Amino acid sequence: MSLFFGEQMAKDTEVGTEYAPKDYQDPPPAPLIDPEELGKWSFYRAIIAEFIATLLFLYITVLTVIGYKSQIDPDHNGEQCGGVGILGIAWAFGGMIFVLVYCTAGISGGHINPAVTFGLFLARKVSLVRAIMYMLAQCLGAICGCGLVKAFQKAYYVKYGGGANTLNDGYNTGTGLGAEIIGTFVLVYTVFAATDPKRNARDSHVPVLAPLPIGFAVFMVHLATIPVTGTGINPARSFGAAVIYGKEKAWDDQWIFWVGPFIGAAIAAFYHQFILRAGAVKALGSFRSNA
């Protein structure tokens, strides 16, 4: 009797895993160009949300960076162990991403980063028009956010580097580029994993918790790469700070903070879509069935 039930359970398990229809539905790929979305208020509302979210992100984080540097400045009787420290800066970046993704995910998807938008575009999650408009809104928001910091901290802004990303002393270009590629890969890979519709269907709590791992990814990457590049992994963040700071050093290294994140995002999109989600295998199977 026990043998019979054991065999029956094995068959049920096999049927459940191999032959039963999947319990989730992948959304259809976004069209490359979708003229219809240009006439929808939701499209422009999402762009506004990306602008405001990136503005707030840069305002809080750059203000934290400048505040920390002023607190450890010996000219102001500061101590090297004073202020929030690198750990506090990493928490500011990660915490703000957690808060802002949570707030805007239902409106714009909570990208707040051109590299994230680029990775999702490559995975056909957003259209080309939406991706371009998001990136423009993010860069403009970053400029305005850094502009607010300069307006409120004019005495300290230029003196303490304006929160601009630069390649730190002792590191070469290859090291800086590699740090940005790997750091952005970690972030964008986490975004894909946290928003995967397959996981969302089977674990109802995943959509609610998605901002948490994304914020933690930003936090952990900052801990690792602040000593190398100050941590970009977000072209809008680096671009906005460079525009308002305006010094030559920030522009000399600016390409690292665009090329690195875009390469890292592309690798993450390929890895998740074609390796983990077996997109290449599905495409090959479809090709064979139609041959």
C-alpha atoms as a PDB file:
ATOM      1  CA  MET A   1       0.000   0.000   0.000  1.00  0.00           C
ATOM      2  CA  SER A   2       2.711   2.446   0.954  1.00  0.00           C
ATOM      3  CA  LEU A   3       4.608   1.616  -2.225  1.00  0.00           C
ATOM      4  CA  PHE A   4       1.497   2.346  -4.289  1.00  0.00           C
ATOM      5  CA  PHE A   5       0.982   5.754  -2.675  1.00  0.00           C
ATOM      6  CA  GLY A   6       4.674   6.535  -3.070  1.00  0.00           C
ATOM      7  CA  GLU A   7       4.514   5.783  -6.794  1.00  0.00           C
ATOM      8  CA  GLN A   8       1.284   7.753  -7.144  1.00  0.00           C
ATOM      9  CA  MET A   9       2.785  10.802  -5.417  1.00  0.00           C
ATOM     10  CA  ALA A  10       5.829  10.612  -7.667  1.00  0.00           C
ATOM     11  CA  LYS A  11       3.564  10.562 -10.725  1.00  0.00           C
ATOM     12  CA  ASP A  12       1.541  13.494  -9.403  1.00  0.00           C
ATOM     13  CA  THR A  13       4.728  15.462  -8.783  1.00  0.00           C
ATOM     14  CA  GLU A  14       6.013  14.650 -12.242  1.00  0.00           C
ATOM     15  CA  VAL A  15       2.768  15.712 -13.861  1.00  0.00           C
ATOM     16  CA  GLY A  16       2.661  18.878 -11.765  1.00  0.00           C
ATOM     17  CA  THR A  17       6.154  19.949 -12.705  1.00  0.00           C
ATOM     18  CA  GLU A  18       6.438  18.770 -16.276  1.00  0.00           C
ATOM     19  CA  TYR A  19       3.054  18.697 -17.947  1.00  0.00           C
ATOM     20  CA  ALA A  20       0.803  21.089 -16.043  1.00  0.00           C
ATOM     21  CA  PRO A  21       0.384  24.550 -17.586  1.00  0.00           C
ATOM     22  CA  LYS A  22       2.486  27.266 -16.010  1.00  0.00           C
ATOM     23  CA  ASP A  23       0.799  29.280 -13.280  1.00  0.00           C
ATOM     24  CA  TYR A  24       1.944  32.686 -14.502  1.00  0.00           C
ATOM     25  CA  GLN A  25       1.723  34.766 -17.642  1.00  0.00           C
ATOM     26  CA  ASP A  26       4.658  36.651 -19.096  1.00  0.00           C
ATOM     27  CA  PRO A  27       3.617  40.084 -20.338  1.00  0.00           C
ATOM     28  CA  PRO A  28       3.982  40.534 -24.110  1.00  0.00           C
ATOM     29  CA  PRO A  29       7.170  42.279 -25.289  1.00  0.00           C
ATOM     30  CA  ALA A  30       6.866  46.039 -25.455  1.00  0.00           C
ATOM     31  CA  PRO A  31       6.746  47.372 -29.028  1.00  0.00           C
ATOM     32  CA  LEU A  32       9.877  49.112 -30.237  1.00  0.00           C
ATOM     33  CA  ILE A  33       7.892  52.247 -31.022  1.00  0.00           C
ATOM     34  CA  ASP A  34       4.416  52.685 -29.572  1.00  0.00           C
ATOM     35  CA  PRO A  35       2.721  55.835 -30.941  1.00  0.00           C
ATOM     36  CA  GLU A  36      -0.412  55.192 -28.862  1.00  0.00           C
ATOM     37  CA  GLU A  37       1.331  55.790 -25.535  1.00  0.00           C
ATOM     38  CA  LEU A  38       2.170  59.349 -26.622  1.00  0.00           C
ATOM     39  CA  GLY A  39      -1.514  60.179 -26.304  1.00  0.00           C
ATOM     40  CA  LYS A  40      -1.938  58.772 -22.808  1.00  0.00           C
ATOM     41  CA  TRP A  41      -1.708  60.794 -19.614  1.00  0.00           C
ATOM     42  CA  SER A  42      -0.181  57.770 -17.836  1.00  0.00           C
ATOM     43  CA  PHE A  43       2.875  58.068 -20.098  1.00  0.00           C
ATOM     44  CA  TYR A  44       3.533  61.693 -19.140  1.00  0.00           C
ATOM     45  CA  ARG A  45       2.683  61.011 -15.495  1.00  0.00           C
ATOM     46  CA  ALA A  46       5.384  58.307 -15.487  1.00  0.00           C
ATOM     47  CA  ILE A  47       7.928  60.729 -16.967  1.00  0.00           C
ATOM     48  CA  ILE A  48       7.112  63.300 -14.285  1.00  0.00           C
ATOM     49  CA  ALA A  49       7.465  60.620 -11.606  1.00  0.00           C
ATOM     50  CA  GLU A  50      10.921  59.678 -12.916  1.00  0.00           C
ATOM     51  CA  PHE A  51      11.970  63.335 -12.946  1.00  0.00           C
ATOM     52  CA  ILE A  52      10.828  64.017  -9.383  1.00  0.00           C
ATOM     53  CA  ALA A  53      12.197  60.739  -8.022  1.00  0.00           C
ATOM     54  CA  THR A  54      15.645  61.338  -9.518  1.00  0.00           C
ATOM     55  CA  LEU A  55      15.616  64.933  -8.269  1.00  0.00           C
ATOM     56  CA  LEU A  56      14.889  63.772  -4.708  1.00  0.00           C
ATOM     57  CA  PHE A  57      17.449  60.979  -4.988  1.00  0.00           C
ATOM     58  CA  LEU A  58      20.263  63.351  -5.948  1.00  0.00           C
ATOM     59  CA  TYR A  59      19.219  66.008  -3.473  1.00  0.00           C
ATOM     60  CA  ILE A  60      19.349  63.694  -0.448  1.00  0.00           C
ATOM     61  CA  THR A  61      22.392  61.658  -1.453  1.00  0.00           C
ATOM     62  CA  VAL A  62      24.662  64.471  -2.656  1.00  0.00           C
ATOM     63  CA  LEU A  63      23.704  66.537   0.381  1.00  0.00           C
ATOM     64  CA  THR A  64      24.752  63.571   2.532  1.00  0.00           C
ATOM     65  CA  VAL A  65      28.113  63.327   0.758  1.00  0.00           C
ATOM     66  CA  ILE A  66      28.878  67.029   1.137  1.00  0.00           C
ATOM     67  CA  GLY A  67      27.704  67.063   4.740  1.00  0.00           C
ATOM     68  CA  TYR A  68      30.011  64.167   5.565  1.00  0.00           C
ATOM     69  CA  LYS A  69      33.020  65.847   3.966  1.00  0.00           C
ATOM     70  CA  SER A  70      32.366  69.068   5.844  1.00  0.00           C
ATOM     71  CA  GLN A  71      32.070  67.148   9.123  1.00  0.00           C
ATOM     72  CA  ILE A  72      35.503  65.535   8.737  1.00  0.00           C
ATOM     73  CA  ASP A  73      37.223  68.695   7.454  1.00  0.00           C
ATOM     74  CA  PRO A  74      40.048  69.579   9.896  1.00  0.00           C
ATOM     75  CA  ASP A  75      39.569  73.265   8.994  1.00  0.00           C
ATOM     76  CA  HIS A  76      36.232  73.027  10.817  1.00  0.00           C
ATOM     77  CA  ASN A  77      37.666  71.027  13.711  1.00  0.00           C
ATOM     78  CA  GLY A  78      36.331  67.867  12.165  1.00  0.00           C
ATOM     79  CA  GLU A  79      37.637  64.391  12.890  1.00  0.00           C
ATOM     80  CA  GLN A  80      38.314  61.575  10.451  1.00  0.00           C
ATOM     81  CA  CYS A  81      35.839  59.368  12.303  1.00  0.00           C
ATOM     82  CA  GLY A  82      33.168  62.064  12.472  1.00  0.00           C
ATOM     83  CA  GLY A  83      30.001  62.325  10.436  1.00  0.00           C
ATOM     84  CA  VAL A  84      28.032  59.492   8.915  1.00  0.00           C
ATOM     85  CA  GLY A  85      31.076  57.832   7.337  1.00  0.00           C
ATOM     86  CA  ILE A  86      31.170  55.775   4.144  1.00  0.00           C
ATOM     87  CA  LEU A  87      28.681  53.366   5.681  1.00  0.00           C
ATOM     88  CA  GLY A  88      26.216  56.215   6.175  1.00  0.00           C
ATOM     89  CA  ILE A  89      26.681  57.415   2.598  1.00  0.00           C
ATOM     90  CA  ALA A  90      26.002  53.898   1.305  1.00  0.00           C
ATOM     91  CA  TRP A  91      22.868  53.747   3.470  1.00  0.00           C
ATOM     92  CA  ALA A  92      21.706  57.107   2.090  1.00  0.00           C
ATOM     93  CA  PHE A  93      21.960  55.873  -1.503  1.00  0.00           C
ATOM     94  CA  GLY A  94      20.461  52.456  -0.825  1.00  0.00           C
ATOM     95  CA  GLY A  95      17.760  53.782   1.477  1.00  0.00           C
ATOM     96  CA  MET A  96      16.632  56.463  -0.951  1.00  0.00           C
ATOM     97  CA  ILE A  97      16.400  53.946  -3.782  1.00  0.00           C
ATOM     98  CA  PHE A  98      14.294  51.695  -1.556  1.00  0.00           C
ATOM     99  CA  VAL A  99      11.940  54.563  -0.669  1.00  0.00           C
ATOM    100  CA  LEU A 100      11.660  55.984  -4.183  1.00  0.00           C
ATOM    101  CA  VAL A 101      11.225  52.643  -5.958  1.00  0.00           C
ATOM    102  CA  TYR A 102       8.489  51.797  -3.461  1.00  0.00           C
ATOM    103  CA  CYS A 103       6.766  55.123  -4.142  1.00  0.00           C
ATOM    104  CA  THR A 104       7.016  55.160  -7.939  1.00  0.00           C
ATOM    105  CA  ALA A 105       6.956  51.487  -8.951  1.00  0.00           C
ATOM    106  CA  GLY A 106       3.217  51.580  -9.622  1.00  0.00           C
ATOM    107  CA  ILE A 107       3.477  54.749 -11.707  1.00  0.00           C
ATOM    108  CA  SER A 108       6.646  54.519 -13.804  1.00  0.00           C
ATOM    109  CA  GLY A 109       8.231  51.239 -12.720  1.00  0.00           C
ATOM    110  CA  GLY A 110      10.637  53.103 -10.435  1.00  0.00           C
ATOM    111  CA  HIS A 111      13.693  53.094 -12.707  1.00  0.00           C
ATOM    112  CA  ILE A 112      15.418  56.292 -11.440  1.00  0.00           C
ATOM    113  CA  ASN A 113      18.494  55.241 -13.431  1.00  0.00           C
ATOM    114  CA  PRO A 114      19.216  55.280 -17.201  1.00  0.00           C
ATOM    115  CA  ALA A 115      21.143  52.002 -16.867  1.00  0.00           C
ATOM    116  CA  VAL A 116      18.081  50.272 -15.398  1.00  0.00           C
ATOM    117  CA  THR A 117      15.923  51.745 -18.155  1.00  0.00           C
ATOM    118  CA  PHE A 118      18.433  50.598 -20.780  1.00  0.00           C
ATOM    119  CA  GLY A 119      18.496  47.045 -19.402  1.00  0.00           C
ATOM    120  CA  LEU A 120      14.692  46.854 -19.342  1.00  0.00           C
ATOM    121  CA  PHE A 121      14.561  48.230 -22.876  1.00  0.00           C
ATOM    122  CA  LEU A 122      16.924  45.512 -24.101  1.00  0.00           C
ATOM    123  CA  ALA A 123      14.653  42.950 -22.444  1.00  0.00           C
ATOM    124  CA  ARG A 124      11.652  44.487 -24.257  1.00  0.00           C
ATOM    125  CA  LYS A 125      10.028  45.630 -21.024  1.00  0.00           C
ATOM    126  CA  VAL A 126       9.675  49.240 -22.225  1.00  0.00           C
ATOM    127  CA  SER A 127       9.427  50.829 -25.659  1.00  0.00           C
ATOM    128  CA  LEU A 128      12.199  52.867 -27.248  1.00  0.00           C
ATOM    129  CA  VAL A 129      10.208  56.108 -26.917  1.00  0.00           C
ATOM    130  CA  ARG A 130       9.526  55.495 -23.220  1.00  0.00           C
ATOM    131  CA  ALA A 131      13.170  54.549 -22.597  1.00  0.00           C
ATOM    132  CA  ILE A 132      14.466  57.749 -24.220  1.00  0.00           C
ATOM    133  CA  MET A 133      11.976  59.959 -22.387  1.00  0.00           C
ATOM    134  CA  TYR A 134      12.753  58.272 -19.065  1.00  0.00           C
ATOM    135  CA  MET A 135      16.477  58.846 -19.543  1.00  0.00           C
ATOM    136  CA  LEU A 136      15.944  62.505 -20.396  1.00  0.00           C
ATOM    137  CA  ALA A 137      13.701  62.972 -17.345  1.00  0.00           C
ATOM    138  CA  GLN A 138      16.222  61.208 -15.098  1.00  0.00           C
ATOM    139  CA  CYS A 139      19.137  63.348 -16.297  1.00  0.00           C
ATOM    140  CA  LEU A 140      17.139  66.556 -15.969  1.00  0.00           C
ATOM    141  CA  GLY A 141      15.954  65.527 -12.508  1.00  0.00           C
ATOM    142  CA  ALA A 142      19.526  64.794 -11.456  1.00  0.00           C
ATOM    143  CA  ILE A 143      20.687  68.224 -12.630  1.00  0.00           C
ATOM    144  CA  CYS A 144      17.871  69.946 -10.722  1.00  0.00           C
ATOM    145  CA  GLY A 145      18.530  67.870  -7.592  1.00  0.00           C
ATOM    146  CA  CYS A 146      22.219  68.806  -7.572  1.00  0.00           C
ATOM    147  CA  GLY A 147      21.253  72.403  -8.327  1.00  0.00           C
ATOM    148  CA  LEU A 148      19.160  72.478  -5.160  1.00  0.00           C
ATOM    149  CA  VAL A 149      22.084  71.134  -3.145  1.00  0.00           C
ATOM    150  CA  LYS A 150      24.360  73.871  -4.499  1.00  0.00           C
ATOM    151  CA  ALA A 151      21.720  76.491  -3.732  1.00  0.00           C
ATOM    152  CA  PHE A 152      21.397  75.363  -0.113  1.00  0.00           C
ATOM    153  CA  GLN A 153      25.074  74.553   0.495  1.00  0.00           C
ATOM    154  CA  LYS A 154      26.783  77.132  -1.699  1.00  0.00           C
ATOM    155  CA  ALA A 155      29.690  77.618   0.699  1.00  0.00           C
ATOM    156  CA  TYR A 156      30.535  73.928   0.787  1.00  0.00           C
ATOM    157  CA  TYR A 157      29.414  72.620  -2.610  1.00  0.00           C
ATOM    158  CA  VAL A 158      32.457  73.384  -4.771  1.00  0.00           C
ATOM    159  CA  LYS A 159      34.937  73.027  -1.905  1.00  0.00           C
ATOM    160  CA  TYR A 160      33.899  69.430  -1.248  1.00  0.00           C
ATOM    161  CA  GLY A 161      33.622  68.284  -4.825  1.00  0.00           C
ATOM    162  CA  GLY A 162      29.905  68.691  -5.459  1.00  0.00           C
ATOM    163  CA  GLY A 163      29.295  64.987  -5.004  1.00  0.00           C
ATOM    164  CA  ALA A 164      30.756  64.403  -8.484  1.00  0.00           C
ATOM    165  CA  ASN A 165      32.018  60.958  -9.454  1.00  0.00           C
ATOM    166  CA  THR A 166      35.706  60.779 -10.351  1.00  0.00           C
ATOM    167  CA  LEU A 167      38.279  58.028 -10.566  1.00  0.00           C
ATOM    168  CA  ASN A 168      40.066  58.109  -7.219  1.00  0.00           C
ATOM    169  CA  ASP A 169      43.847  58.271  -6.874  1.00  0.00           C
ATOM    170  CA  GLY A 170      45.615  54.917  -7.093  1.00  0.00           C
ATOM    171  CA  TYR A 171      43.123  53.340  -9.519  1.00  0.00           C
ATOM    172  CA  ASN A 172      43.503  53.142 -13.284  1.00  0.00           C
ATOM    173  CA  THR A 173      40.820  53.519 -15.915  1.00  0.00           C
ATOM    174  CA  GLY A 174      40.375  49.783 -16.391  1.00  0.00           C
ATOM    175  CA  THR A 175      39.752  49.254 -12.695  1.00  0.00           C
ATOM    176  CA  GLY A 176      37.212  52.073 -12.574  1.00  0.00           C
ATOM    177  CA  LEU A 177      35.397  50.815 -15.670  1.00  0.00           C
ATOM    178  CA  GLY A 178      35.338  47.273 -14.299  1.00  0.00           C
ATOM    179  CA  ALA A 179      33.936  48.479 -10.970  1.00  0.00           C
ATOM    180  CA  GLU A 180      31.117  50.309 -12.758  1.00  0.00           C
ATOM    181  CA  ILE A 181      30.322  47.338 -15.011  1.00  0.00           C
ATOM    182  CA  ILE A 182      30.165  44.817 -12.165  1.00  0.00           C
ATOM    183  CA  GLY A 183      28.355  47.182  -9.803  1.00  0.00           C
ATOM    184  CA  THR A 184      25.680  47.967 -12.375  1.00  0.00           C
ATOM    185  CA  PHE A 185      25.350  44.284 -13.248  1.00  0.00           C
ATOM    186  CA  VAL A 186      24.561  43.540  -9.591  1.00  0.00           C
ATOM    187  CA  LEU A 187      21.926  46.286  -9.508  1.00  0.00           C
ATOM    188  CA  VAL A 188      20.180  45.502 -12.808  1.00  0.00           C
ATOM    189  CA  TYR A 189      20.313  41.742 -12.195  1.00  0.00           C
ATOM    190  CA  THR A 190      18.589  42.377  -8.856  1.00  0.00           C
ATOM    191  CA  VAL A 191      15.936  44.493 -10.595  1.00  0.00           C
ATOM    192  CA  PHE A 192      15.181  41.673 -13.040  1.00  0.00           C
ATOM    193  CA  ALA A 193      15.080  39.043 -10.301  1.00  0.00           C
ATOM    194  CA  ALA A 194      12.897  41.135  -7.974  1.00  0.00           C
ATOM    195  CA  THR A 195      10.351  41.965 -10.689  1.00  0.00           C
ATOM    196  CA  ASP A 196      10.269  38.593 -12.483  1.00  0.00           C
ATOM    197  CA  PRO A 197       6.583  37.785 -13.245  1.00  0.00           C
ATOM    198  CA  LYS A 198       7.301  34.081 -12.660  1.00  0.00           C
ATOM    199  CA  ARG A 199       8.317  34.779  -9.054  1.00  0.00           C
ATOM    200  CA  ASN A 200       5.527  37.288  -8.559  1.00  0.00           C
ATOM    201  CA  ALA A 201       2.927  34.679  -9.514  1.00  0.00           C
ATOM    202  CA  ARG A 202       4.217  32.040  -7.102  1.00  0.00           C
ATOM    203  CA  ASP A 203       5.195  34.273  -4.181  1.00  0.00           C
ATOM    204  CA  SER A 204       2.556  36.934  -3.623  1.00  0.00           C
ATOM    205  CA  HIS A 205       4.807  38.895  -1.267  1.00  0.00           C
ATOM    206  CA  VAL A 206       7.523  39.442  -3.895  1.00  0.00           C
ATOM    207  CA  PRO A 207       5.990  42.563  -5.561  1.00  0.00           C
ATOM    208  CA  VAL A 208       5.640  44.246  -2.172  1.00  0.00           C
ATOM    209  CA  LEU A 209       9.224  43.449  -1.160  1.00  0.00           C
ATOM    210  CA  ALA A 210      10.839  44.174  -4.550  1.00  0.00           C
ATOM    211  CA  PRO A 211      12.156  47.650  -3.562  1.00  0.00           C
ATOM    212  CA  LEU A 212      13.984  46.148  -0.589  1.00  0.00           C
ATOM    213  CA  PRO A 213      16.506  43.948  -2.466  1.00  0.00           C
ATOM    214  CA  ILE A 214      16.980  46.694  -5.053  1.00  0.00           C
ATOM    215  CA  GLY A 215      17.845  49.189  -2.322  1.00  0.00           C
ATOM    216  CA  PHE A 216      20.139  46.681  -0.641  1.00  0.00           C
ATOM    217  CA  ALA A 217      21.923  46.054  -3.961  1.00  0.00           C
ATOM    218  CA  VAL A 218      22.659  49.768  -4.250  1.00  0.00           C
ATOM    219  CA  PHE A 219      23.850  49.830  -0.632  1.00  0.00           C
ATOM    220  CA  MET A 220      26.214  46.873  -1.044  1.00  0.00           C
ATOM    221  CA  VAL A 221      27.679  48.141  -4.326  1.00  0.00           C
ATOM    222  CA  HIS A 222      28.405  51.505  -2.719  1.00  0.00           C
ATOM    223  CA  LEU A 223      30.276  49.834   0.130  1.00  0.00           C
ATOM    224  CA  ALA A 224      32.482  48.061  -2.403  1.00  0.00           C
ATOM    225  CA  THR A 225      33.122  50.808  -4.952  1.00  0.00           C
ATOM    226  CA  ILE A 226      33.044  54.171  -3.131  1.00  0.00           C
ATOM    227  CA  PRO A 227      36.849  53.946  -2.673  1.00  0.00           C
ATOM    228  CA  VAL A 228      37.306  53.313  -6.422  1.00  0.00           C
ATOM    229  CA  THR A 229      34.965  55.670  -8.298  1.00  0.00           C
ATOM    230  CA  GLY A 230      32.738  57.151  -5.617  1.00  0.00           C
ATOM    231  CA  THR A 231      30.175  54.706  -7.078  1.00  0.00           C
ATOM    232  CA  GLY A 232      28.269  55.775 -10.135  1.00  0.00           C
ATOM    233  CA  ILE A 233      26.185  52.805 -11.417  1.00  0.00           C
ATOM    234  CA  ASN A 234      23.700  55.497 -12.468  1.00  0.00           C
ATOM    235  CA  PRO A 235      24.628  57.731 -15.425  1.00  0.00           C
ATOM    236  CA  ALA A 236      22.062  60.369 -14.441  1.00  0.00           C
ATOM    237  CA  ARG A 237      23.561  60.636 -10.959  1.00  0.00           C
ATOM    238  CA  SER A 238      27.065  61.135 -12.378  1.00  0.00           C
ATOM    239  CA  PHE A 239      25.913  63.478 -15.161  1.00  0.00           C
ATOM    240  CA  GLY A 240      23.818  65.740 -12.930  1.00  0.00           C
ATOM    241  CA  ALA A 241      26.628  66.158 -10.406  1.00  0.00           C
ATOM    242  CA  ALA A 242      29.166  66.881 -13.170  1.00  0.00           C
ATOM    243  CA  VAL A 243      26.922  69.519 -14.798  1.00  0.00           C
ATOM    244  CA  ILE A 244      26.401  71.477 -11.577  1.00  0.00           C
ATOM    245  CA  TYR A 245      29.946  70.987 -10.268  1.00  0.00           C
ATOM    246  CA  GLY A 246      31.399  71.941 -13.649  1.00  0.00           C
ATOM    247  CA  LYS A 247      35.044  71.132 -12.982  1.00  0.00           C
ATOM    248  CA  GLU A 248      37.309  69.493 -15.565  1.00  0.00           C
ATOM    249  CA  LYS A 249      38.140  66.379 -13.509  1.00  0.00           C
ATOM    250  CA  ALA A 250      34.474  65.341 -13.336  1.00  0.00           C
ATOM    251  CA  TRP A 251      34.168  65.581 -17.137  1.00  0.00           C
ATOM    252  CA  ASP A 252      37.465  63.783 -17.814  1.00  0.00           C
ATOM    253  CA  ASP A 253      36.123  60.609 -16.186  1.00  0.00           C
ATOM    254  CA  GLN A 254      32.468  61.063 -17.202  1.00  0.00           C
ATOM    255  CA  TRP A 255      32.587  58.457 -19.973  1.00  0.00           C
ATOM    256  CA  ILE A 256      33.374  55.732 -17.418  1.00  0.00           C
ATOM    257  CA  PHE A 257      30.060  56.420 -15.689  1.00  0.00           C
ATOM    258  CA  TRP A 258      28.112  55.961 -18.917  1.00  0.00           C
ATOM    259  CA  VAL A 259      29.947  53.170 -20.692  1.00  0.00           C
ATOM    260  CA  GLY A 260      30.402  51.029 -17.564  1.00  0.00           C
ATOM    261  CA  PRO A 261      26.752  51.105 -16.397  1.00  0.00           C
ATOM    262  CA  PHE A 262      25.377  50.521 -19.889  1.00  0.00           C
ATOM    263  CA  ILE A 263      27.650  47.507 -20.424  1.00  0.00           C
ATOM    264  CA  GLY A 264      26.755  46.122 -16.994  1.00  0.00           C
ATOM    265  CA  ALA A 265      23.033  46.588 -17.673  1.00  0.00           C
ATOM    266  CA  ALA A 266      23.291  44.863 -21.063  1.00  0.00           C
ATOM    267  CA  ILE A 267      25.085  41.867 -19.533  1.00  0.00           C
ATOM    268  CA  ALA A 268      22.480  41.621 -16.764  1.00  0.00           C
ATOM    269  CA  ALA A 269      19.613  41.747 -19.286  1.00  0.00           C
ATOM    270  CA  PHE A 270      21.210  39.021 -21.417  1.00  0.00           C
ATOM    271  CA  TYR A 271      22.007  36.847 -18.403  1.00  0.00           C
ATOM    272  CA  HIS A 272      18.505  37.013 -16.950  1.00  0.00           C
ATOM    273  CA  GLN A 273      16.513  36.770 -20.162  1.00  0.00           C
ATOM    274  CA  PHE A 274      18.568  34.245 -22.119  1.00  0.00           C
ATOM    275  CA  ILE A 275      20.283  32.186 -19.437  1.00  0.00           C
ATOM    276  CA  LEU A 276      18.091  32.165 -16.342  1.00  0.00           C
ATOM    277  CA  ARG A 277      14.778  32.473 -18.192  1.00  0.00           C
ATOM    278  CA  ALA A 278      16.069  30.239 -21.022  1.00  0.00           C
ATOM    279  CA  GLY A 279      15.135  32.731 -23.713  1.00  0.00           C
ATOM    280  CA  ALA A 280      17.752  31.341 -26.089  1.00  0.00           C
ATOM    281  CA  VAL A 281      16.460  27.771 -25.637  1.00  0.00           C
ATOM    282  CA  LYS A 282      12.845  28.863 -26.212  1.00  0.00           C
ATOM    283  CA  ALA A 283      13.827  30.765 -29.349  1.00  0.00           C
ATOM    284  CA  LEU A 284      15.739  27.745 -30.678  1.00  0.00           C
ATOM    285  CA  GLY A 285      12.785  25.454 -29.929  1.00  0.00           C
ATOM    286  CA  SER A 286      10.386  27.793 -31.733  1.00  0.00           C
ATOM    287  CA  PHE A 287      12.737  27.924 -34.722  1.00  0.00           C
ATOM    288  CA  ARG A 288      12.935  24.118 -34.912  1.00  0.00           C
ATOM    289  CA  SER A 289       9.170  23.677 -34.621  1.00  0.00           C
ATOM    290  CA  ASN A 290       8.606  26.081 -37.520  1.00  0.00           C
ATOM    291  CA  ALA A 291      11.333  24.553 -39.681  1.00  0.00           C
END
